[in-house]
PDB file of N, CA and C in Angstrom:
ATOM      1  N   UNK A   1       5.402 -11.525   3.427  1.00  0.00           N
ATOM      2  CA  UNK A   1       4.656 -10.853   3.411  1.00  0.00           C
ATOM      3  C   UNK A   1       5.180  -8.770   3.627  1.00  0.00           C
ATOM      4  N   UNK A   2       5.761  -8.241   3.502  1.00  0.00           N
ATOM      5  CA  UNK A   2       6.491  -6.877   3.982  1.00  0.00           C
ATOM      6  C   UNK A   2       5.034  -6.021   4.234  1.00  0.00           C
ATOM      7  N   UNK A   3       5.174  -5.202   5.112  1.00  0.00           N
ATOM      8  CA  UNK A   3       3.947  -4.475   5.765  1.00  0.00           C
ATOM      9  C   UNK A   3       3.822  -3.685   4.961  1.00  0.00           C
ATOM     10  N   UNK A   4       4.325  -2.970   3.901  1.00  0.00           N
ATOM     11  CA  UNK A   4       4.232  -2.097   2.927  1.00  0.00           C
ATOM     12  C   UNK A   4       2.867  -2.333   1.977  1.00  0.00           C
ATOM     13  N   UNK A   5       2.953  -3.705   1.722  1.00  0.00           N
ATOM     14  CA  UNK A   5       2.305  -4.640   0.895  1.00  0.00           C
ATOM     15  C   UNK A   5       1.056  -4.913   1.595  1.00  0.00           C
ATOM     16  N   UNK A   6       0.399  -4.951   2.582  1.00  0.00           N
ATOM     17  CA  UNK A   6      -0.562  -5.646   3.214  1.00  0.00           C
ATOM     18  C   UNK A   6      -1.364  -4.831   2.746  1.00  0.00           C
ATOM     19  N   UNK A   7      -1.796  -3.375   2.613  1.00  0.00           N
ATOM     20  CA  UNK A   7      -2.600  -2.518   2.123  1.00  0.00           C
ATOM     21  C   UNK A   7      -3.162  -2.553   0.909  1.00  0.00           C
ATOM     22  N   UNK A   8      -2.272  -3.402  -0.192  1.00  0.00           N
ATOM     23  CA  UNK A   8      -2.345  -3.122  -1.739  1.00  0.00           C
ATOM     24  C   UNK A   8      -3.465  -4.007  -2.150  1.00  0.00           C
ATOM     25  N   UNK A   9      -3.758  -3.717  -3.474  1.00  0.00           N
ATOM     26  CA  UNK A   9      -4.641  -4.204  -4.032  1.00  0.00           C
ATOM     27  C   UNK A   9      -4.650  -5.375  -4.552  1.00  0.00           C
ATOM     28  N   UNK A  10      -3.478  -5.917  -4.896  1.00  0.00           N
ATOM     29  CA  UNK A  10      -2.801  -7.215  -4.881  1.00  0.00           C
ATOM     30  C   UNK A  10      -2.851  -8.305  -3.951  1.00  0.00           C
ATOM     31  N   UNK A  11      -2.751  -7.604  -2.956  1.00  0.00           N
ATOM     32  CA  UNK A  11      -3.015  -8.594  -1.649  1.00  0.00           C
ATOM     33  C   UNK A  11      -4.660  -8.626  -1.153  1.00  0.00           C
ATOM     34  N   UNK A  12      -4.980  -7.699  -1.008  1.00  0.00           N
ATOM     35  CA  UNK A  12      -6.797  -8.015  -0.744  1.00  0.00           C
ATOM     36  C   UNK A  12      -7.423  -7.164  -1.809  1.00  0.00           C
ATOM     37  N   UNK A  13      -7.996  -7.995  -2.833  1.00  0.00           N
ATOM     38  CA  UNK A  13      -8.813  -7.610  -4.357  1.00  0.00           C
ATOM     39  C   UNK A  13     -10.307  -6.945  -3.819  1.00  0.00           C
ATOM     40  N   UNK A  14     -10.633  -6.026  -4.019  1.00  0.00           N
ATOM     41  CA  UNK A  14     -11.895  -5.630  -3.675  1.00  0.00           C
ATOM     42  C   UNK A  14     -12.771  -6.509  -4.648  1.00  0.00           C
ATOM     43  N   UNK A  15     -13.586  -7.587  -3.757  1.00  0.00           N
ATOM     44  CA  UNK A  15     -14.476  -8.100  -4.623  1.00  0.00           C
ATOM     45  C   UNK A  15     -15.935  -7.622  -4.268  1.00  0.00           C
ATOM     46  N   UNK A  16     -17.107  -8.179  -5.318  1.00  0.00           N
ATOM     47  CA  UNK A  16     -18.342  -7.749  -5.284  1.00  0.00           C
ATOM     48  C   UNK A  16     -19.122  -7.619  -3.758  1.00  0.00           C
ATOM     49  N   UNK A  17     -18.573  -9.018  -3.557  1.00  0.00           N
ATOM     50  CA  UNK A  17     -18.756  -9.139  -1.616  1.00  0.00           C
ATOM     51  C   UNK A  17     -18.409  -8.132  -1.100  1.00  0.00           C
ATOM     52  N   UNK A  18     -17.134  -7.837  -0.773  1.00  0.00           N
ATOM     53  CA  UNK A  18     -16.724  -6.836  -0.153  1.00  0.00           C
ATOM     54  C   UNK A  18     -16.951  -5.388  -0.119  1.00  0.00           C
ATOM     55  N   UNK A  19     -17.055  -4.975  -1.735  1.00  0.00           N
ATOM     56  CA  UNK A  19     -17.872  -3.903  -1.926  1.00  0.00           C
ATOM     57  C   UNK A  19     -19.231  -3.558  -1.647  1.00  0.00           C
ATOM     58  N   UNK A  20     -19.978  -4.841  -1.152  1.00  0.00           N
ATOM     59  CA  UNK A  20     -21.668  -4.651  -1.022  1.00  0.00           C
ATOM     60  C   UNK A  20     -21.364  -4.408   0.611  1.00  0.00           C
ATOM     61  N   UNK A  21     -20.862  -5.364   1.155  1.00  0.00           N
ATOM     62  CA  UNK A  21     -20.527  -5.348   2.461  1.00  0.00           C
ATOM     63  C   UNK A  21     -19.804  -3.856   3.094  1.00  0.00           C
ATOM     64  N   UNK A  22     -19.282  -3.297   2.539  1.00  0.00           N
ATOM     65  CA  UNK A  22     -18.451  -2.263   3.456  1.00  0.00           C
ATOM     66  C   UNK A  22     -19.350  -1.039   2.742  1.00  0.00           C
ATOM     67  N   UNK A  23     -20.024  -1.056   1.555  1.00  0.00           N
ATOM     68  CA  UNK A  23     -21.496  -0.186   1.307  1.00  0.00           C
ATOM     69  C   UNK A  23     -22.117   0.257   2.137  1.00  0.00           C
ATOM     70  N   UNK A  24     -22.733  -1.094   2.857  1.00  0.00           N
ATOM     71  CA  UNK A  24     -24.061  -1.202   3.461  1.00  0.00           C
ATOM     72  C   UNK A  24     -23.494  -0.967   5.218  1.00  0.00           C
ATOM     73  N   UNK A  25     -22.011  -1.248   5.651  1.00  0.00           N
ATOM     74  CA  UNK A  25     -21.638  -0.733   6.846  1.00  0.00           C
ATOM     75  C   UNK A  25     -21.262   0.779   6.641  1.00  0.00           C
ATOM     76  N   UNK A  26     -20.781   1.441   5.949  1.00  0.00           N
ATOM     77  CA  UNK A  26     -20.539   2.867   5.766  1.00  0.00           C
ATOM     78  C   UNK A  26     -22.030   3.825   5.531  1.00  0.00           C
ATOM     79  N   UNK A  27     -23.214   3.004   4.788  1.00  0.00           N
ATOM     80  CA  UNK A  27     -24.291   3.833   4.924  1.00  0.00           C
ATOM     81  C   UNK A  27     -24.948   3.764   6.447  1.00  0.00           C
ATOM     82  N   UNK A  28     -24.795   2.301   6.973  1.00  0.00           N
ATOM     83  CA  UNK A  28     -25.217   2.442   8.313  1.00  0.00           C
ATOM     84  C   UNK A  28     -24.734   3.456   9.287  1.00  0.00           C
ATOM     85  N   UNK A  29     -23.322   3.548   9.575  1.00  0.00           N
ATOM     86  CA  UNK A  29     -22.969   4.470  10.234  1.00  0.00           C
ATOM     87  C   UNK A  29     -23.124   6.015   9.468  1.00  0.00           C
ATOM     88  N   UNK A  30     -23.296   6.606   8.331  1.00  0.00           N
ATOM     89  CA  UNK A  30     -23.373   7.500   7.855  1.00  0.00           C
ATOM     90  C   UNK A  30     -24.836   7.961   8.647  1.00  0.00           C
ATOM     91  N   UNK A  31     -26.467   7.018   8.483  1.00  0.00           N
ATOM     92  CA  UNK A  31     -27.137   7.470   9.328  1.00  0.00           C
ATOM     93  C   UNK A  31     -27.504   7.352  10.564  1.00  0.00           C
ATOM     94  N   UNK A  32     -26.715   6.401  11.413  1.00  0.00           N
ATOM     95  CA  UNK A  32     -26.229   6.736  12.947  1.00  0.00           C
ATOM     96  C   UNK A  32     -26.204   7.841  13.033  1.00  0.00           C
ATOM     97  N   UNK A  33     -24.900   8.656  12.517  1.00  0.00           N
ATOM     98  CA  UNK A  33     -24.387   9.621  12.906  1.00  0.00           C
ATOM     99  C   UNK A  33     -25.273  10.731  12.319  1.00  0.00           C
ATOM    100  N   UNK A  34     -26.686  10.541  11.426  1.00  0.00           N
ATOM    101  CA  UNK A  34     -27.217  11.683  11.255  1.00  0.00           C
ATOM    102  C   UNK A  34     -27.404  12.314   9.994  1.00  0.00           C
ATOM    103  N   UNK A  35     -27.122  11.485   8.909  1.00  0.00           N
ATOM    104  CA  UNK A  35     -27.019  11.850   7.723  1.00  0.00           C
ATOM    105  C   UNK A  35     -28.434  11.503   7.445  1.00  0.00           C
ATOM    106  N   UNK A  36     -28.915  12.254   6.105  1.00  0.00           N
ATOM    107  CA  UNK A  36     -30.243  11.944   5.763  1.00  0.00           C
ATOM    108  C   UNK A  36     -30.586  10.805   4.894  1.00  0.00           C
ATOM    109  N   UNK A  37     -31.123   9.910   5.194  1.00  0.00           N
ATOM    110  CA  UNK A  37     -31.355   8.646   4.506  1.00  0.00           C
ATOM    111  C   UNK A  37     -31.311   8.561   2.879  1.00  0.00           C
ATOM    112  N   UNK A  38     -31.984   9.717   2.116  1.00  0.00           N
ATOM    113  CA  UNK A  38     -31.900   9.668   0.810  1.00  0.00           C
ATOM    114  C   UNK A  38     -30.773  10.305   0.232  1.00  0.00           C
ATOM    115  N   UNK A  39     -29.708  10.570   0.815  1.00  0.00           N
ATOM    116  CA  UNK A  39     -28.376  11.257   0.381  1.00  0.00           C
ATOM    117  C   UNK A  39     -27.523  10.288   0.747  1.00  0.00           C
ATOM    118  N   UNK A  40     -27.509   9.388   1.819  1.00  0.00           N
ATOM    119  CA  UNK A  40     -27.092   7.576   1.684  1.00  0.00           C
ATOM    120  C   UNK A  40     -27.785   6.996   0.965  1.00  0.00           C
ATOM    121  N   UNK A  41     -28.520   7.093   0.411  1.00  0.00           N
ATOM    122  CA  UNK A  41     -28.628   6.010  -0.533  1.00  0.00           C
ATOM    123  C   UNK A  41     -28.772   6.452  -2.081  1.00  0.00           C
ATOM    124  N   UNK A  42     -28.639   7.562  -2.642  1.00  0.00           N
ATOM    125  CA  UNK A  42     -27.979   8.133  -3.425  1.00  0.00           C
ATOM    126  C   UNK A  42     -26.634   7.716  -3.804  1.00  0.00           C
ATOM    127  N   UNK A  43     -25.654   8.164  -2.617  1.00  0.00           N
ATOM    128  CA  UNK A  43     -24.305   8.160  -2.842  1.00  0.00           C
ATOM    129  C   UNK A  43     -24.355   6.332  -2.924  1.00  0.00           C
ATOM    130  N   UNK A  44     -25.309   5.370  -2.327  1.00  0.00           N
ATOM    131  CA  UNK A  44     -24.841   3.880  -2.150  1.00  0.00           C
ATOM    132  C   UNK A  44     -24.986   3.727  -4.012  1.00  0.00           C
ATOM    133  N   UNK A  45     -26.179   3.966  -4.380  1.00  0.00           N
ATOM    134  CA  UNK A  45     -26.931   3.808  -5.727  1.00  0.00           C
ATOM    135  C   UNK A  45     -25.439   4.344  -7.087  1.00  0.00           C
ATOM    136  N   UNK A  46     -25.023   5.488  -6.815  1.00  0.00           N
ATOM    137  CA  UNK A  46     -23.740   6.412  -7.628  1.00  0.00           C
ATOM    138  C   UNK A  46     -22.605   5.536  -7.151  1.00  0.00           C
ATOM    139  N   UNK A  47     -22.478   5.088  -5.763  1.00  0.00           N
ATOM    140  CA  UNK A  47     -21.038   3.820  -5.958  1.00  0.00           C
ATOM    141  C   UNK A  47     -21.468   2.690  -6.640  1.00  0.00           C
ATOM    142  N   UNK A  48     -22.348   1.805  -6.196  1.00  0.00           N
ATOM    143  CA  UNK A  48     -22.894   0.834  -7.089  1.00  0.00           C
ATOM    144  C   UNK A  48     -22.819   0.965  -8.816  1.00  0.00           C
ATOM    145  N   UNK A  49     -23.229   1.972  -9.028  1.00  0.00           N
ATOM    146  CA  UNK A  49     -23.076   2.309 -10.359  1.00  0.00           C
ATOM    147  C   UNK A  49     -22.044   2.209 -10.942  1.00  0.00           C
ATOM    148  N   UNK A  50     -21.047   3.078 -10.298  1.00  0.00           N
ATOM    149  CA  UNK A  50     -19.365   3.245 -10.346  1.00  0.00           C
ATOM    150  C   UNK A  50     -19.089   1.792 -10.907  1.00  0.00           C
ATOM    151  N   UNK A  51     -19.143   0.779  -9.360  1.00  0.00           N
ATOM    152  CA  UNK A  51     -18.581  -0.207  -9.387  1.00  0.00           C
ATOM    153  C   UNK A  51     -18.672  -1.289 -10.779  1.00  0.00           C
ATOM    154  N   UNK A  52     -20.081  -0.858 -11.093  1.00  0.00           N
ATOM    155  CA  UNK A  52     -20.694  -1.937 -12.034  1.00  0.00           C
ATOM    156  C   UNK A  52     -20.167  -1.470 -13.725  1.00  0.00           C
ATOM    157  N   UNK A  53     -20.287  -0.366 -13.988  1.00  0.00           N
ATOM    158  CA  UNK A  53     -19.515   0.075 -14.871  1.00  0.00           C
ATOM    159  C   UNK A  53     -18.567   1.172 -14.874  1.00  0.00           C
ATOM    160  N   UNK A  54     -17.337   0.430 -13.885  1.00  0.00           N
ATOM    161  CA  UNK A  54     -16.538   1.581 -14.044  1.00  0.00           C
ATOM    162  C   UNK A  54     -15.604   1.336 -15.489  1.00  0.00           C
ATOM    163  N   UNK A  55     -15.108   0.242 -16.257  1.00  0.00           N
ATOM    164  CA  UNK A  55     -14.670   0.520 -17.212  1.00  0.00           C
ATOM    165  C   UNK A  55     -15.360   1.050 -17.886  1.00  0.00           C
ATOM    166  N   UNK A  56     -16.839   0.781 -18.544  1.00  0.00           N
ATOM    167  CA  UNK A  56     -17.011   1.914 -19.755  1.00  0.00           C
ATOM    168  C   UNK A  56     -17.132   3.456 -19.078  1.00  0.00           C
ATOM    169  N   UNK A  57     -17.416   3.626 -17.687  1.00  0.00           N
ATOM    170  CA  UNK A  57     -17.262   4.974 -17.630  1.00  0.00           C
ATOM    171  C   UNK A  57     -15.726   5.737 -17.525  1.00  0.00           C
ATOM    172  N   UNK A  58     -14.909   4.853 -17.276  1.00  0.00           N
ATOM    173  CA  UNK A  58     -13.697   4.956 -17.341  1.00  0.00           C
ATOM    174  C   UNK A  58     -12.591   5.395 -18.954  1.00  0.00           C
ATOM    175  N   UNK A  59     -13.156   4.829 -19.571  1.00  0.00           N
ATOM    176  CA  UNK A  59     -13.179   4.721 -21.228  1.00  0.00           C
ATOM    177  C   UNK A  59     -13.812   6.076 -21.118  1.00  0.00           C
ATOM    178  N   UNK A  60     -14.770   6.611 -21.076  1.00  0.00           N
ATOM    179  CA  UNK A  60     -15.632   7.414 -21.663  1.00  0.00           C
ATOM    180  C   UNK A  60     -14.782   8.947 -20.857  1.00  0.00           C
ATOM    181  N   UNK A  61     -14.685   8.898 -19.852  1.00  0.00           N
ATOM    182  CA  UNK A  61     -13.756   9.862 -19.356  1.00  0.00           C
ATOM    183  C   UNK A  61     -12.605  10.174 -20.137  1.00  0.00           C
ATOM    184  N   UNK A  62     -11.665   9.084 -19.906  1.00  0.00           N
ATOM    185  CA  UNK A  62     -10.465   9.128 -20.601  1.00  0.00           C
ATOM    186  C   UNK A  62     -10.061   9.620 -21.982  1.00  0.00           C
ATOM    187  N   UNK A  63     -11.339   9.151 -22.680  1.00  0.00           N
ATOM    188  CA  UNK A  63     -11.893   9.506 -24.036  1.00  0.00           C
ATOM    189  C   UNK A  63     -11.370  11.374 -24.499  1.00  0.00           C
ATOM    190  N   UNK A  64     -12.534  11.890 -23.735  1.00  0.00           N
ATOM    191  CA  UNK A  64     -12.347  13.017 -23.877  1.00  0.00           C
ATOM    192  C   UNK A  64     -11.525  14.249 -23.593  1.00  0.00           C
TER     193      UNK A  64
END
């Protein structure tokens, strides 16, 4: 495996488990460094909604 492909989504696909863990870790860091909790919670909810409904949202955006 060459170095250019290590960070490709083909090599490391984003699974639901990895997405959830990365959101929780990022949210924890944001709160630790002073971001307001409601803003972090809203961002995590929006990211979760995007991940859950991304195909329908992508079709809606490209249809317009």
